Amino acid sequence: MTNIAKAMQKFVVMGRTYLLTQLTTTGLCFEFHQLRHGPSWAWTTACVGSTLSEFGFTPREILEIILSLRCKNGGWSYNPTVPADADSTLRVLQFLRKIGFEDKVIISQAEHFVALHQLPDGGISTYHEDTVRDMGYSVYDGWCSSHPCVTALAINQLRDVTVLKRASFYLQNRLTQIGPEAYWWRTKYYVLYEIGKPNGGILKDDPVEIALALLLKSKLGICDIDLVKRLILLQEDDGSLPPSGVFRIPRPNQLLEELIGDEEVVEDKKGIFSTCAAIVAVFRQLTLL
């Protein structure tokens, strides 16, 4: 085994160990405590569950707690204090599919919930208007508009042919006319990775952006050891990756076209998502050696 392969294996093992230390006894994992509505529950826990499943190991407690967080409408929410949204539901669907979860009723209800967020242009919003109203916001057209990042995630998780066709049409139009900008992410690589489109943009020293670029390369069958080394150098002694600066929270009324860099930037202060993305990216690169 080469030295770089050994370094990659060590990187993955250390990151996986760190993620396990962040789970509560019930299987939950919390991140983004600084946000107005409190920390993320289902979204973060599903991300960790999906990551661990990449290595053939997902604690049973994660599935049990995820299912217990399911809302009456078949979707999942950011946390129990707010209504269900399409993005969190898609993250959970991703996790359930990766572990081979086979309850057709739960899966179909979740898919139906997400499909209800598809707008006339084919894009999928994160929230319904009535949902955001229930959260206490009076102006919320931005959060209820078509979001490329949510739509890109949806085309890899939903099965309804009609929904997928309309979503793909929306994304193709956006790529042609505007580009791969995301709504909740300050990086083009989120959308590019989900749809498998190459890009040669310059990367910041951000663990999530580098990881997304590597995940995209892996999807395209490209091995990039130099980029792998950049990630390895970022790993902390406890196995975690530094917090990422690619997450943003636009104001509820801000459309994607109106974002000018003044929106709130939110770091995953415990580096949980950074670690999830990084170790999966390096693991997939390792399989290409």
Protein backbone atom coordinates (compact mmCIF):
# COMPACT_ATOMS: atom_id res chain seq x y z
CA MET A 1 0.00 0.00 0.00
CA THR A 2 1.33 3.43 -0.93
CA ASN A 3 1.93 6.15 1.64
CA ILE A 4 -0.90 8.28 0.28
CA ALA A 5 -3.31 5.35 0.49
CA LYS A 6 -2.32 4.79 4.12
CA ALA A 7 -2.80 8.49 4.86
CA MET A 8 -6.23 8.40 3.24
CA GLN A 9 -7.26 5.36 5.26
CA LYS A 10 -6.10 7.00 8.48
CA PHE A 11 -7.98 10.17 7.56
CA VAL A 12 -11.21 8.25 7.04
CA VAL A 13 -10.89 6.20 10.24
CA MET A 14 -10.17 9.27 12.36
CA GLY A 15 -13.10 11.16 10.86
CA ARG A 16 -15.47 8.26 11.34
CA THR A 17 -14.40 7.91 14.98
CA TYR A 18 -15.01 11.62 15.54
CA LEU A 19 -18.54 11.38 14.13
CA LEU A 20 -19.37 8.49 16.46
CA THR A 21 -18.31 10.60 19.44
CA GLN A 22 -20.84 13.26 18.38
CA LEU A 23 -23.84 10.93 18.63
CA THR A 24 -26.02 11.03 21.73
CA THR A 25 -27.13 7.80 23.39
CA THR A 26 -30.37 8.07 21.41
CA GLY A 27 -28.53 8.33 18.08
CA LEU A 28 -29.14 12.04 17.53
CA CYS A 29 -26.48 14.44 16.31
CA PHE A 30 -26.79 18.21 16.73
CA GLU A 31 -25.22 21.06 14.78
CA PHE A 32 -25.84 24.78 14.12
CA HIS A 33 -26.80 25.68 17.68
CA GLN A 34 -26.35 29.36 16.87
CA LEU A 35 -29.40 29.62 14.58
CA ARG A 36 -32.59 31.37 15.61
CA HIS A 37 -34.67 28.21 15.65
CA GLY A 38 -32.04 26.17 17.47
CA PRO A 39 -29.81 23.31 16.31
CA SER A 40 -30.40 20.97 13.41
CA TRP A 41 -31.69 17.52 14.39
CA ALA A 42 -32.90 15.38 11.46
CA TRP A 43 -30.74 17.00 8.76
CA THR A 44 -27.48 16.58 10.69
CA THR A 45 -28.34 13.12 12.01
CA ALA A 46 -29.29 11.93 8.52
CA CYS A 47 -25.99 13.27 7.15
CA VAL A 48 -24.04 11.37 9.79
CA GLY A 49 -26.10 8.23 9.19
CA SER A 50 -25.51 8.42 5.45
CA THR A 51 -21.79 8.91 6.02
CA LEU A 52 -21.44 5.94 8.35
CA SER A 53 -23.43 3.78 5.93
CA GLU A 54 -20.74 4.50 3.34
CA PHE A 55 -18.49 2.25 5.44
CA GLY A 56 -21.13 -0.40 6.06
CA PHE A 57 -21.91 0.67 9.60
CA THR A 58 -24.87 2.69 10.83
CA PRO A 59 -25.92 2.41 14.49
CA ARG A 60 -29.51 1.16 14.76
CA GLU A 61 -30.27 4.07 17.07
CA ILE A 62 -29.88 6.52 14.17
CA LEU A 63 -32.65 4.89 12.14
CA GLU A 64 -34.92 4.64 15.17
CA ILE A 65 -34.52 8.28 16.14
CA ILE A 66 -34.89 9.48 12.54
CA LEU A 67 -38.17 7.60 12.19
CA SER A 68 -39.39 9.02 15.50
CA LEU A 69 -38.84 12.56 14.16
CA ARG A 70 -41.14 12.01 11.18
CA CYS A 71 -43.93 14.58 10.95
CA LYS A 72 -47.60 13.76 10.40
CA ASN A 73 -47.43 15.03 6.81
CA GLY A 74 -44.75 12.45 5.97
CA GLY A 75 -41.83 14.87 5.93
CA TRP A 76 -39.04 15.82 8.29
CA SER A 77 -38.21 19.19 9.81
CA TYR A 78 -35.03 21.04 10.72
CA ASN A 79 -35.91 20.35 14.36
CA PRO A 80 -39.14 19.72 16.32
CA THR A 81 -39.78 23.45 16.87
CA VAL A 82 -40.43 24.16 13.17
CA PRO A 83 -42.56 22.56 10.42
CA ALA A 84 -41.30 20.00 7.94
CA ASP A 85 -39.40 21.15 4.85
CA ALA A 86 -38.37 19.57 1.55
CA ASP A 87 -34.61 19.84 2.09
CA SER A 88 -34.56 18.05 5.44
CA THR A 89 -36.92 15.41 4.06
CA LEU A 90 -34.65 14.79 1.08
CA ARG A 91 -31.64 14.36 3.40
CA VAL A 92 -33.56 11.76 5.35
CA LEU A 93 -34.66 10.03 2.15
CA GLN A 94 -31.02 9.90 1.09
CA PHE A 95 -30.12 8.22 4.36
CA LEU A 96 -33.01 5.74 4.19
CA ARG A 97 -32.11 4.71 0.65
CA LYS A 98 -28.44 4.27 1.51
CA ILE A 99 -29.21 1.83 4.33
CA GLY A 100 -31.75 -0.09 2.25
CA PHE A 101 -34.81 0.96 4.24
CA GLU A 102 -37.80 -0.73 2.62
CA ASP A 103 -40.98 0.64 4.22
CA LYS A 104 -42.79 1.70 1.04
CA VAL A 105 -45.43 3.71 2.89
CA ILE A 106 -42.90 5.91 4.68
CA ILE A 107 -40.83 6.37 1.52
CA SER A 108 -43.80 7.18 -0.71
CA GLN A 109 -45.27 9.65 1.78
CA ALA A 110 -41.93 11.43 2.07
CA GLU A 111 -41.59 11.60 -1.71
CA HIS A 112 -45.14 12.93 -2.01
CA PHE A 113 -44.39 15.59 0.60
CA VAL A 114 -41.36 16.78 -1.38
CA ALA A 115 -43.31 16.73 -4.66
CA LEU A 116 -45.82 19.15 -3.14
CA HIS A 117 -43.00 21.71 -3.09
CA GLN A 118 -42.51 21.63 -6.86
CA LEU A 119 -43.37 24.97 -8.45
CA PRO A 120 -44.68 25.72 -11.95
CA ASP A 121 -41.14 26.23 -13.32
CA GLY A 122 -40.20 22.71 -12.21
CA GLY A 123 -37.97 23.81 -9.36
CA ILE A 124 -38.50 22.64 -5.80
CA SER A 125 -38.76 25.05 -2.89
CA THR A 126 -37.63 24.37 0.65
CA TYR A 127 -40.86 25.58 2.25
CA HIS A 128 -44.52 26.14 1.48
CA GLU A 129 -45.87 29.63 2.07
CA ASP A 130 -48.24 28.47 4.81
CA THR A 131 -45.35 26.64 6.47
CA VAL A 132 -43.15 29.73 6.66
CA ARG A 133 -46.12 31.75 7.87
CA ASP A 134 -46.48 29.29 10.72
CA MET A 135 -42.85 29.99 11.60
CA GLY A 136 -43.71 33.62 12.25
CA TYR A 137 -42.46 35.31 9.07
CA SER A 138 -44.64 37.82 7.22
CA VAL A 139 -42.58 38.02 4.00
CA TYR A 140 -41.15 34.76 2.77
CA ASP A 141 -41.20 34.55 -1.03
CA GLY A 142 -37.47 33.72 -1.10
CA TRP A 143 -37.72 30.63 1.04
CA CYS A 144 -40.71 29.50 -1.01
CA SER A 145 -39.10 30.01 -4.43
CA SER A 146 -37.39 27.35 -6.54
CA HIS A 147 -34.03 26.41 -5.03
CA PRO A 148 -31.45 24.83 -7.36
CA CYS A 149 -29.68 23.03 -4.52
CA VAL A 150 -32.88 21.43 -3.20
CA THR A 151 -33.97 20.56 -6.73
CA ALA A 152 -30.58 19.00 -7.53
CA LEU A 153 -30.77 16.85 -4.40
CA ALA A 154 -34.32 15.85 -5.30
CA ILE A 155 -33.47 14.47 -8.73
CA ASN A 156 -31.23 11.90 -7.02
CA GLN A 157 -33.77 10.86 -4.40
CA LEU A 158 -37.25 10.97 -5.95
CA ARG A 159 -38.75 8.34 -8.24
CA ASP A 160 -41.79 10.07 -9.76
CA VAL A 161 -40.95 10.35 -13.47
CA THR A 162 -43.09 13.44 -14.03
CA VAL A 163 -41.59 15.29 -11.07
CA LEU A 164 -38.08 14.35 -12.14
CA LYS A 165 -38.63 15.43 -15.73
CA ARG A 166 -39.86 18.87 -14.66
CA ALA A 167 -37.07 19.24 -12.08
CA SER A 168 -34.41 18.31 -14.65
CA PHE A 169 -35.86 20.82 -17.11
CA TYR A 170 -35.65 23.55 -14.46
CA LEU A 171 -32.03 22.74 -13.62
CA GLN A 172 -30.98 22.61 -17.26
CA ASN A 173 -32.52 26.02 -17.87
CA ARG A 174 -30.76 27.50 -14.85
CA LEU A 175 -27.40 26.06 -15.84
CA THR A 176 -27.75 27.42 -19.35
CA GLN A 177 -29.03 30.86 -18.43
CA ILE A 178 -27.49 31.59 -15.01
CA GLY A 179 -25.17 28.85 -13.76
CA PRO A 180 -24.96 26.37 -10.87
CA GLU A 181 -25.44 28.83 -8.01
CA ALA A 182 -27.17 27.35 -4.96
CA TYR A 183 -29.58 29.04 -2.55
CA TRP A 184 -28.43 27.73 0.84
CA TRP A 185 -24.78 27.20 -0.15
CA ARG A 186 -22.00 29.65 -1.01
CA THR A 187 -20.42 27.24 -3.49
CA LYS A 188 -21.31 26.12 -6.99
CA TYR A 189 -20.00 22.64 -6.28
CA TYR A 190 -23.10 21.53 -4.37
CA VAL A 191 -25.31 21.68 -7.45
CA LEU A 192 -22.50 20.54 -9.75
CA TYR A 193 -21.85 17.44 -7.66
CA GLU A 194 -25.51 16.45 -7.43
CA ILE A 195 -26.02 16.72 -11.20
CA GLY A 196 -22.58 15.39 -12.14
CA LYS A 197 -21.42 18.34 -14.22
CA PRO A 198 -17.66 19.17 -14.31
CA ASN A 199 -16.31 22.59 -13.39
CA GLY A 200 -12.79 24.01 -13.29
CA GLY A 201 -13.35 26.79 -10.79
CA ILE A 202 -10.75 27.77 -8.21
CA LEU A 203 -11.40 26.24 -4.79
CA LYS A 204 -11.19 28.02 -1.48
CA ASP A 205 -9.52 26.27 1.48
CA ASP A 206 -12.93 25.26 2.74
CA PRO A 207 -13.35 21.60 3.73
CA VAL A 208 -16.86 21.26 2.33
CA GLU A 209 -16.10 22.93 -0.99
CA ILE A 210 -12.97 20.80 -1.46
CA ALA A 211 -14.94 17.69 -0.47
CA LEU A 212 -17.73 18.49 -2.92
CA ALA A 213 -15.20 19.00 -5.70
CA LEU A 214 -13.64 15.63 -4.88
CA LEU A 215 -17.03 13.94 -4.74
CA LEU A 216 -17.77 15.35 -8.17
CA LYS A 217 -14.44 14.07 -9.49
CA SER A 218 -15.16 10.63 -8.04
CA LYS A 219 -18.55 10.60 -9.73
CA LEU A 220 -16.76 11.35 -13.00
CA GLY A 221 -14.10 8.70 -12.32
CA ILE A 222 -11.30 11.23 -11.79
CA CYS A 223 -8.66 10.78 -9.08
CA ASP A 224 -7.12 13.99 -7.75
CA ILE A 225 -4.43 13.28 -5.14
CA ASP A 226 -3.41 16.92 -4.84
CA LEU A 227 -6.93 17.84 -3.79
CA VAL A 228 -7.01 14.88 -1.40
CA LYS A 229 -3.81 16.14 0.23
CA ARG A 230 -5.41 19.56 0.73
CA LEU A 231 -8.19 17.92 2.73
CA ILE A 232 -5.83 15.73 4.74
CA LEU A 233 -3.85 18.79 5.83
CA LEU A 234 -7.04 20.33 7.22
CA GLN A 235 -7.89 17.46 9.59
CA GLU A 236 -7.75 18.24 13.31
CA ASP A 237 -6.13 15.96 15.92
CA ASP A 238 -9.56 14.66 17.02
CA GLY A 239 -10.38 13.57 13.47
CA SER A 240 -12.76 16.40 12.68
CA LEU A 241 -12.50 18.92 9.87
CA PRO A 242 -12.69 22.67 10.53
CA PRO A 243 -16.07 24.40 10.31
CA SER A 244 -17.13 25.29 6.80
CA GLY A 245 -18.09 28.74 5.58
CA VAL A 246 -20.24 27.62 2.64
CA PHE A 247 -23.56 27.54 4.49
CA ARG A 248 -25.75 30.63 4.33
CA ILE A 249 -29.19 31.65 5.52
CA PRO A 250 -30.79 34.20 3.18
CA ARG A 251 -33.54 36.33 4.63
CA PRO A 252 -36.97 34.75 4.07
CA ASN A 253 -37.82 37.33 1.39
CA GLN A 254 -34.51 37.06 -0.53
CA LEU A 255 -34.62 35.39 -3.93
CA LEU A 256 -31.48 33.72 -5.24
CA GLU A 257 -30.97 36.49 -7.78
CA GLU A 258 -31.06 39.06 -4.96
CA LEU A 259 -28.26 37.56 -2.87
CA ILE A 260 -25.36 40.01 -2.79
CA GLY A 261 -23.21 38.56 -0.03
CA ASP A 262 -24.92 40.22 2.91
CA GLU A 263 -26.80 37.11 3.96
CA GLU A 264 -25.97 35.31 7.21
CA VAL A 265 -23.06 32.87 6.92
CA VAL A 266 -23.40 29.93 9.29
CA GLU A 267 -20.50 27.67 10.23
CA ASP A 268 -20.96 24.09 11.37
CA LYS A 269 -19.02 24.91 14.51
CA LYS A 270 -18.49 21.28 15.50
CA GLY A 271 -17.37 20.49 11.94
CA ILE A 272 -19.86 17.66 11.66
CA PHE A 273 -20.96 18.24 8.08
CA SER A 274 -17.41 19.18 7.09
CA THR A 275 -16.22 15.85 8.48
CA CYS A 276 -19.05 13.91 6.84
CA ALA A 277 -18.36 15.36 3.40
CA ALA A 278 -14.59 15.07 3.71
CA ILE A 279 -14.29 11.45 4.76
CA VAL A 280 -16.78 10.26 2.14
CA ALA A 281 -14.90 12.24 -0.50
CA VAL A 282 -11.54 10.77 0.48
CA PHE A 283 -12.97 7.27 0.80
CA ARG A 284 -14.40 7.42 -2.73
CA GLN A 285 -11.10 8.75 -4.04
CA LEU A 286 -9.35 5.86 -2.30
CA THR A 287 -11.44 3.37 -4.28
CA LEU A 288 -10.11 4.93 -7.49
CA LEU A 289 -6.45 4.31 -6.66
